[in-house]
Amino acid sequence: MIRSAYAVTVSVLLAVGTLGGCGTVAERADDVRDTAAVFEKALTEGAYDRVCAVLAPATLDELEQSSGSPCPQAVGEESLKPGGGVQRTDVYGNQARTVLSSDTLFLSHFTSGWKVVAAGCAPRPKVPYQCAIKGG
């Protein structure tokens, strides 16, 4: 079971960058929330293949390499709990953070849409987030 946590540096993931893609900030935030909802619904239903479908490529690769198992099995072994409803979404260029009731997701925009870069993330005072699933 993957137990190594990952410190996601918020200043890197949420760095203000050049806006990429189409749409207004509100439309982009809606797209991020939609992706987070797909991730959470799949996680709640134990549909780990659908969880894997919304992971960023590097995150999927890291998860499979770390566990030595295909993504759906690795997600199941991780015992990641659903994070609940969306409390807040912040979009900065091609990076986003979605704060859920009991989790935080970090996402990036790809040509195929928004993908989850890190999940199972907990904030820590004055240091980067600690994440259960993350990209390399």
N, C-alpha and C. Protein backbone atom coordinates (compact mmCIF):
# COMPACT_ATOMS: atom_id res chain seq x y z
N MET A 1 0.85 -1.17 0.00
CA MET A 1 0.00 0.00 0.00
C MET A 1 0.89 1.24 0.00
N ILE A 2 0.51 2.18 -0.78
CA ILE A 2 1.31 3.40 -0.86
C ILE A 2 1.01 4.23 0.37
N ARG A 3 2.01 4.53 1.12
CA ARG A 3 1.82 5.35 2.30
C ARG A 3 2.70 6.58 2.28
N SER A 4 3.54 6.67 1.30
CA SER A 4 4.40 7.83 1.24
C SER A 4 3.57 9.05 0.90
N ALA A 5 3.68 10.07 1.71
CA ALA A 5 2.93 11.30 1.46
C ALA A 5 3.81 12.24 0.66
N TYR A 6 3.17 13.19 0.04
CA TYR A 6 3.90 14.10 -0.82
C TYR A 6 3.57 15.52 -0.42
N ALA A 7 4.58 16.30 -0.23
CA ALA A 7 4.39 17.70 0.10
C ALA A 7 4.26 18.49 -1.19
N VAL A 8 3.06 18.93 -1.48
CA VAL A 8 2.83 19.73 -2.68
C VAL A 8 3.09 21.18 -2.32
N THR A 9 4.00 21.78 -3.00
CA THR A 9 4.33 23.17 -2.74
C THR A 9 3.27 24.06 -3.37
N VAL A 10 2.46 24.62 -2.50
CA VAL A 10 1.35 25.44 -2.97
C VAL A 10 1.83 26.61 -3.79
N SER A 11 2.96 27.18 -3.42
CA SER A 11 3.44 28.34 -4.17
C SER A 11 3.76 27.98 -5.61
N VAL A 12 4.14 26.72 -5.87
CA VAL A 12 4.41 26.29 -7.24
C VAL A 12 3.11 25.98 -7.96
N LEU A 13 2.24 25.18 -7.32
CA LEU A 13 1.00 24.79 -7.97
C LEU A 13 0.04 25.95 -8.18
N LEU A 14 0.12 26.92 -7.29
CA LEU A 14 -0.82 28.03 -7.39
C LEU A 14 -0.16 29.32 -7.86
N ALA A 15 1.02 29.18 -8.44
CA ALA A 15 1.72 30.35 -8.95
C ALA A 15 0.87 30.99 -10.05
N VAL A 16 0.81 32.28 -10.00
CA VAL A 16 0.04 32.98 -11.02
C VAL A 16 0.82 32.89 -12.33
N GLY A 17 0.17 32.30 -13.32
CA GLY A 17 0.81 32.11 -14.61
C GLY A 17 -0.03 32.74 -15.70
N THR A 18 0.38 32.50 -16.89
CA THR A 18 -0.36 32.99 -18.04
C THR A 18 -1.61 32.16 -18.18
N LEU A 19 -2.74 32.83 -18.36
CA LEU A 19 -3.99 32.09 -18.55
C LEU A 19 -3.92 31.29 -19.82
N GLY A 20 -4.18 30.01 -19.68
CA GLY A 20 -4.18 29.13 -20.84
C GLY A 20 -5.58 28.62 -21.07
N GLY A 21 -5.84 28.11 -22.23
CA GLY A 21 -7.16 27.56 -22.50
C GLY A 21 -8.17 28.65 -22.78
N CYS A 22 -9.40 28.23 -22.91
CA CYS A 22 -10.48 29.15 -23.24
C CYS A 22 -11.39 29.34 -22.06
N GLY A 23 -12.18 30.38 -22.12
CA GLY A 23 -13.21 30.62 -21.13
C GLY A 23 -12.81 31.65 -20.10
N THR A 24 -13.83 32.13 -19.43
CA THR A 24 -13.62 33.10 -18.36
C THR A 24 -13.12 32.38 -17.12
N VAL A 25 -12.69 33.14 -16.15
CA VAL A 25 -12.24 32.55 -14.89
C VAL A 25 -13.39 31.75 -14.26
N ALA A 26 -14.60 32.28 -14.31
CA ALA A 26 -15.75 31.58 -13.74
C ALA A 26 -16.01 30.25 -14.47
N GLU A 27 -15.89 30.27 -15.79
CA GLU A 27 -16.09 29.03 -16.57
C GLU A 27 -15.00 28.02 -16.25
N ARG A 28 -13.77 28.50 -16.10
CA ARG A 28 -12.67 27.60 -15.76
C ARG A 28 -12.87 27.01 -14.37
N ALA A 29 -13.33 27.83 -13.44
CA ALA A 29 -13.60 27.34 -12.08
C ALA A 29 -14.71 26.29 -12.11
N ASP A 30 -15.73 26.52 -12.93
CA ASP A 30 -16.80 25.52 -13.08
C ASP A 30 -16.25 24.20 -13.62
N ASP A 31 -15.35 24.28 -14.60
CA ASP A 31 -14.74 23.08 -15.16
C ASP A 31 -13.91 22.33 -14.11
N VAL A 32 -13.20 23.08 -13.29
CA VAL A 32 -12.41 22.47 -12.21
C VAL A 32 -13.33 21.77 -11.23
N ARG A 33 -14.41 22.45 -10.82
CA ARG A 33 -15.38 21.84 -9.89
C ARG A 33 -16.00 20.59 -10.49
N ASP A 34 -16.29 20.63 -11.80
CA ASP A 34 -16.86 19.45 -12.47
C ASP A 34 -15.89 18.28 -12.42
N THR A 35 -14.61 18.53 -12.68
CA THR A 35 -13.60 17.47 -12.63
C THR A 35 -13.47 16.93 -11.21
N ALA A 36 -13.47 17.82 -10.24
CA ALA A 36 -13.39 17.38 -8.84
C ALA A 36 -14.60 16.52 -8.49
N ALA A 37 -15.78 16.90 -8.98
CA ALA A 37 -17.00 16.12 -8.71
C ALA A 37 -16.92 14.74 -9.35
N VAL A 38 -16.39 14.64 -10.56
CA VAL A 38 -16.22 13.35 -11.23
C VAL A 38 -15.28 12.48 -10.41
N PHE A 39 -14.16 13.05 -9.96
CA PHE A 39 -13.19 12.34 -9.15
C PHE A 39 -13.84 11.83 -7.86
N GLU A 40 -14.55 12.71 -7.17
CA GLU A 40 -15.17 12.36 -5.89
C GLU A 40 -16.28 11.32 -6.05
N LYS A 41 -17.08 11.44 -7.09
CA LYS A 41 -18.16 10.47 -7.33
C LYS A 41 -17.57 9.09 -7.60
N ALA A 42 -16.54 9.04 -8.43
CA ALA A 42 -15.89 7.77 -8.74
C ALA A 42 -15.26 7.17 -7.49
N LEU A 43 -14.64 7.99 -6.67
CA LEU A 43 -14.01 7.52 -5.44
C LEU A 43 -15.07 6.98 -4.47
N THR A 44 -16.17 7.70 -4.34
CA THR A 44 -17.27 7.28 -3.46
C THR A 44 -17.85 5.94 -3.91
N GLU A 45 -17.96 5.75 -5.23
CA GLU A 45 -18.53 4.52 -5.78
C GLU A 45 -17.51 3.38 -5.86
N GLY A 46 -16.26 3.65 -5.52
CA GLY A 46 -15.23 2.63 -5.64
C GLY A 46 -14.90 2.30 -7.08
N ALA A 47 -15.21 3.21 -7.98
CA ALA A 47 -14.94 3.04 -9.41
C ALA A 47 -13.54 3.57 -9.71
N TYR A 48 -12.55 2.82 -9.27
CA TYR A 48 -11.17 3.30 -9.34
C TYR A 48 -10.66 3.49 -10.76
N ASP A 49 -11.23 2.78 -11.72
CA ASP A 49 -10.86 3.02 -13.11
C ASP A 49 -11.26 4.43 -13.54
N ARG A 50 -12.40 4.92 -13.04
CA ARG A 50 -12.84 6.28 -13.35
C ARG A 50 -12.01 7.32 -12.58
N VAL A 51 -11.57 6.96 -11.37
CA VAL A 51 -10.66 7.83 -10.62
C VAL A 51 -9.38 8.02 -11.45
N CYS A 52 -8.86 6.91 -11.94
CA CYS A 52 -7.62 6.94 -12.72
C CYS A 52 -7.77 7.75 -14.01
N ALA A 53 -8.97 7.75 -14.58
CA ALA A 53 -9.21 8.47 -15.83
C ALA A 53 -9.08 9.98 -15.68
N VAL A 54 -9.25 10.50 -14.47
CA VAL A 54 -9.12 11.95 -14.27
C VAL A 54 -7.81 12.33 -13.59
N LEU A 55 -6.90 11.37 -13.42
CA LEU A 55 -5.59 11.70 -12.88
C LEU A 55 -4.69 12.24 -14.00
N ALA A 56 -3.85 13.20 -13.64
CA ALA A 56 -2.86 13.72 -14.58
C ALA A 56 -1.89 12.60 -14.95
N PRO A 57 -1.34 12.63 -16.16
CA PRO A 57 -0.44 11.55 -16.60
C PRO A 57 0.71 11.26 -15.63
N ALA A 58 1.38 12.29 -15.14
CA ALA A 58 2.51 12.07 -14.22
C ALA A 58 2.04 11.50 -12.89
N THR A 59 0.84 11.87 -12.47
CA THR A 59 0.29 11.35 -11.21
C THR A 59 -0.04 9.88 -11.37
N LEU A 60 -0.66 9.53 -12.48
CA LEU A 60 -0.99 8.14 -12.75
C LEU A 60 0.30 7.30 -12.81
N ASP A 61 1.31 7.79 -13.52
CA ASP A 61 2.59 7.09 -13.62
C ASP A 61 3.23 6.91 -12.25
N GLU A 62 3.28 7.97 -11.46
CA GLU A 62 3.89 7.92 -10.13
C GLU A 62 3.16 6.90 -9.24
N LEU A 63 1.85 6.92 -9.28
CA LEU A 63 1.05 6.00 -8.47
C LEU A 63 1.33 4.55 -8.85
N GLU A 64 1.34 4.27 -10.15
CA GLU A 64 1.59 2.89 -10.61
C GLU A 64 3.02 2.45 -10.30
N GLN A 65 3.98 3.34 -10.50
CA GLN A 65 5.38 2.98 -10.23
C GLN A 65 5.62 2.77 -8.74
N SER A 66 5.05 3.63 -7.91
CA SER A 66 5.25 3.52 -6.46
C SER A 66 4.62 2.26 -5.89
N SER A 67 3.46 1.89 -6.42
CA SER A 67 2.75 0.73 -5.88
C SER A 67 3.15 -0.58 -6.56
N GLY A 68 3.64 -0.47 -7.80
CA GLY A 68 3.92 -1.67 -8.57
C GLY A 68 2.66 -2.36 -9.05
N SER A 69 1.56 -1.63 -9.06
CA SER A 69 0.26 -2.16 -9.46
C SER A 69 -0.40 -1.24 -10.48
N PRO A 70 -1.36 -1.77 -11.25
CA PRO A 70 -2.13 -0.89 -12.15
C PRO A 70 -2.89 0.15 -11.32
N CYS A 71 -3.15 1.27 -11.92
CA CYS A 71 -3.77 2.40 -11.21
C CYS A 71 -5.01 2.02 -10.41
N PRO A 72 -6.01 1.33 -10.98
CA PRO A 72 -7.21 1.04 -10.18
C PRO A 72 -6.89 0.27 -8.89
N GLN A 73 -5.99 -0.67 -8.98
CA GLN A 73 -5.61 -1.45 -7.79
C GLN A 73 -4.85 -0.55 -6.81
N ALA A 74 -3.95 0.28 -7.32
CA ALA A 74 -3.17 1.18 -6.47
C ALA A 74 -4.06 2.16 -5.72
N VAL A 75 -5.07 2.70 -6.41
CA VAL A 75 -5.99 3.64 -5.74
C VAL A 75 -6.74 2.91 -4.63
N GLY A 76 -7.20 1.69 -4.90
CA GLY A 76 -7.88 0.90 -3.88
C GLY A 76 -7.00 0.61 -2.68
N GLU A 77 -5.73 0.32 -2.94
CA GLU A 77 -4.79 0.05 -1.85
C GLU A 77 -4.48 1.30 -1.04
N GLU A 78 -4.59 2.45 -1.67
CA GLU A 78 -4.29 3.70 -0.98
C GLU A 78 -5.33 4.03 0.09
N SER A 79 -6.53 3.48 -0.04
CA SER A 79 -7.61 3.73 0.92
C SER A 79 -7.94 5.21 1.05
N LEU A 80 -7.88 5.91 -0.06
CA LEU A 80 -8.22 7.33 -0.09
C LEU A 80 -9.71 7.49 0.17
N LYS A 81 -10.05 8.32 1.10
CA LYS A 81 -11.45 8.55 1.47
C LYS A 81 -12.03 9.70 0.63
N PRO A 82 -13.31 9.60 0.27
CA PRO A 82 -13.96 10.73 -0.44
C PRO A 82 -13.87 12.00 0.40
N GLY A 83 -13.67 13.11 -0.29
CA GLY A 83 -13.46 14.38 0.39
C GLY A 83 -14.70 15.20 0.66
N GLY A 84 -15.85 14.78 0.15
CA GLY A 84 -17.07 15.52 0.38
C GLY A 84 -17.29 16.65 -0.60
N GLY A 85 -18.16 17.55 -0.24
CA GLY A 85 -18.55 18.63 -1.12
C GLY A 85 -17.49 19.71 -1.28
N VAL A 86 -17.58 20.41 -2.41
CA VAL A 86 -16.64 21.49 -2.72
C VAL A 86 -16.96 22.69 -1.83
N GLN A 87 -15.94 23.17 -1.15
CA GLN A 87 -16.06 24.36 -0.30
C GLN A 87 -15.54 25.62 -1.00
N ARG A 88 -14.46 25.43 -1.80
CA ARG A 88 -13.85 26.57 -2.48
C ARG A 88 -13.00 26.06 -3.64
N THR A 89 -12.95 26.84 -4.71
CA THR A 89 -12.10 26.53 -5.86
C THR A 89 -11.32 27.78 -6.24
N ASP A 90 -10.03 27.62 -6.37
CA ASP A 90 -9.14 28.71 -6.79
C ASP A 90 -8.48 28.30 -8.09
N VAL A 91 -8.55 29.16 -9.10
CA VAL A 91 -7.93 28.88 -10.40
C VAL A 91 -6.90 29.96 -10.68
N TYR A 92 -5.68 29.53 -10.97
CA TYR A 92 -4.58 30.42 -11.30
C TYR A 92 -3.94 29.92 -12.59
N GLY A 93 -4.32 30.52 -13.70
CA GLY A 93 -3.77 30.07 -14.98
C GLY A 93 -4.16 28.63 -15.26
N ASN A 94 -3.17 27.77 -15.42
CA ASN A 94 -3.41 26.35 -15.71
C ASN A 94 -3.37 25.48 -14.47
N GLN A 95 -3.38 26.09 -13.30
CA GLN A 95 -3.34 25.36 -12.03
C GLN A 95 -4.59 25.71 -11.23
N ALA A 96 -5.03 24.76 -10.41
CA ALA A 96 -6.20 25.02 -9.58
C ALA A 96 -6.11 24.22 -8.29
N ARG A 97 -6.84 24.71 -7.31
CA ARG A 97 -6.98 24.02 -6.03
C ARG A 97 -8.47 23.97 -5.71
N THR A 98 -8.93 22.79 -5.34
CA THR A 98 -10.32 22.64 -4.91
C THR A 98 -10.30 22.13 -3.48
N VAL A 99 -10.85 22.93 -2.58
CA VAL A 99 -10.93 22.56 -1.18
C VAL A 99 -12.29 21.90 -0.96
N LEU A 100 -12.26 20.65 -0.51
CA LEU A 100 -13.47 19.89 -0.22
C LEU A 100 -13.70 19.89 1.28
N SER A 101 -14.77 19.27 1.72
CA SER A 101 -15.08 19.22 3.14
C SER A 101 -13.93 18.61 3.95
N SER A 102 -13.33 17.53 3.43
CA SER A 102 -12.27 16.85 4.18
C SER A 102 -11.08 16.45 3.31
N ASP A 103 -10.84 17.19 2.25
CA ASP A 103 -9.72 16.91 1.36
C ASP A 103 -9.43 18.16 0.55
N THR A 104 -8.28 18.20 -0.06
CA THR A 104 -7.94 19.23 -1.02
C THR A 104 -7.37 18.55 -2.24
N LEU A 105 -7.85 18.94 -3.42
CA LEU A 105 -7.34 18.42 -4.69
C LEU A 105 -6.60 19.54 -5.40
N PHE A 106 -5.51 19.18 -6.06
CA PHE A 106 -4.79 20.11 -6.92
C PHE A 106 -4.96 19.60 -8.35
N LEU A 107 -5.23 20.50 -9.27
CA LEU A 107 -5.49 20.13 -10.66
C LEU A 107 -4.66 20.99 -11.60
N SER A 108 -4.42 20.44 -12.78
CA SER A 108 -3.74 21.17 -13.86
C SER A 108 -4.57 21.03 -15.13
N HIS A 109 -4.47 22.03 -16.00
CA HIS A 109 -5.20 22.00 -17.26
C HIS A 109 -4.32 21.41 -18.34
N PHE A 110 -4.86 20.41 -19.04
CA PHE A 110 -4.19 19.76 -20.16
C PHE A 110 -5.06 19.98 -21.40
N THR A 111 -4.57 19.63 -22.58
CA THR A 111 -5.37 19.78 -23.79
C THR A 111 -6.65 18.96 -23.69
N SER A 112 -6.62 17.88 -22.91
CA SER A 112 -7.82 17.04 -22.74
C SER A 112 -8.72 17.53 -21.62
N GLY A 113 -8.36 18.62 -20.97
CA GLY A 113 -9.17 19.17 -19.89
C GLY A 113 -8.42 19.17 -18.56
N TRP A 114 -9.15 19.41 -17.49
CA TRP A 114 -8.56 19.46 -16.15
C TRP A 114 -8.32 18.04 -15.65
N LYS A 115 -7.18 17.84 -15.01
CA LYS A 115 -6.81 16.55 -14.45
C LYS A 115 -6.30 16.76 -13.02
N VAL A 116 -6.53 15.76 -12.17
CA VAL A 116 -6.10 15.81 -10.78
C VAL A 116 -4.60 15.48 -10.70
N VAL A 117 -3.85 16.41 -10.14
CA VAL A 117 -2.41 16.26 -9.98
C VAL A 117 -2.09 15.67 -8.61
N ALA A 118 -2.88 16.04 -7.60
CA ALA A 118 -2.66 15.55 -6.24
C ALA A 118 -4.00 15.46 -5.52
N ALA A 119 -4.12 14.41 -4.69
CA ALA A 119 -5.36 14.19 -3.93
C ALA A 119 -5.00 13.64 -2.56
N GLY A 120 -5.97 13.70 -1.67
CA GLY A 120 -5.69 13.26 -0.31
C GLY A 120 -4.74 14.23 0.37
N CYS A 121 -4.92 15.51 0.09
CA CYS A 121 -4.00 16.55 0.58
C CYS A 121 -4.55 17.24 1.81
N ALA A 122 -3.69 17.38 2.79
CA ALA A 122 -4.06 18.06 4.03
C ALA A 122 -3.13 19.25 4.23
N PRO A 123 -3.71 20.40 4.56
CA PRO A 123 -2.87 21.57 4.82
C PRO A 123 -2.12 21.39 6.15
N ARG A 124 -0.95 22.01 6.21
CA ARG A 124 -0.16 22.01 7.43
C ARG A 124 0.30 23.44 7.67
N PRO A 125 0.30 23.88 8.91
CA PRO A 125 0.71 25.26 9.19
C PRO A 125 2.13 25.55 8.71
N LYS A 126 2.27 26.59 7.94
CA LYS A 126 3.55 27.15 7.51
C LYS A 126 4.43 26.20 6.68
N VAL A 127 3.89 25.09 6.22
CA VAL A 127 4.64 24.18 5.35
C VAL A 127 3.70 23.69 4.26
N PRO A 128 4.25 23.11 3.18
CA PRO A 128 3.40 22.65 2.08
C PRO A 128 2.41 21.57 2.49
N TYR A 129 1.39 21.40 1.67
CA TYR A 129 0.40 20.36 1.87
C TYR A 129 1.07 18.99 1.89
N GLN A 130 0.47 18.05 2.61
CA GLN A 130 0.89 16.66 2.62
C GLN A 130 -0.17 15.91 1.80
N CYS A 131 0.24 15.20 0.72
CA CYS A 131 -0.71 14.54 -0.17
C CYS A 131 -0.43 13.05 -0.26
N ALA A 132 -1.50 12.25 -0.29
CA ALA A 132 -1.39 10.80 -0.39
C ALA A 132 -1.11 10.36 -1.82
N ILE A 133 -1.74 11.01 -2.78
CA ILE A 133 -1.54 10.69 -4.20
C ILE A 133 -1.06 11.97 -4.86
N LYS A 134 0.04 11.85 -5.62
CA LYS A 134 0.65 13.02 -6.25
C LYS A 134 1.43 12.62 -7.48
N GLY A 135 1.71 13.61 -8.30
CA GLY A 135 2.51 13.39 -9.50
C GLY A 135 3.99 13.56 -9.22
N GLY A 136 4.81 12.98 -10.09
CA GLY A 136 6.25 13.06 -9.91
C GLY A 136 6.84 14.28 -10.52
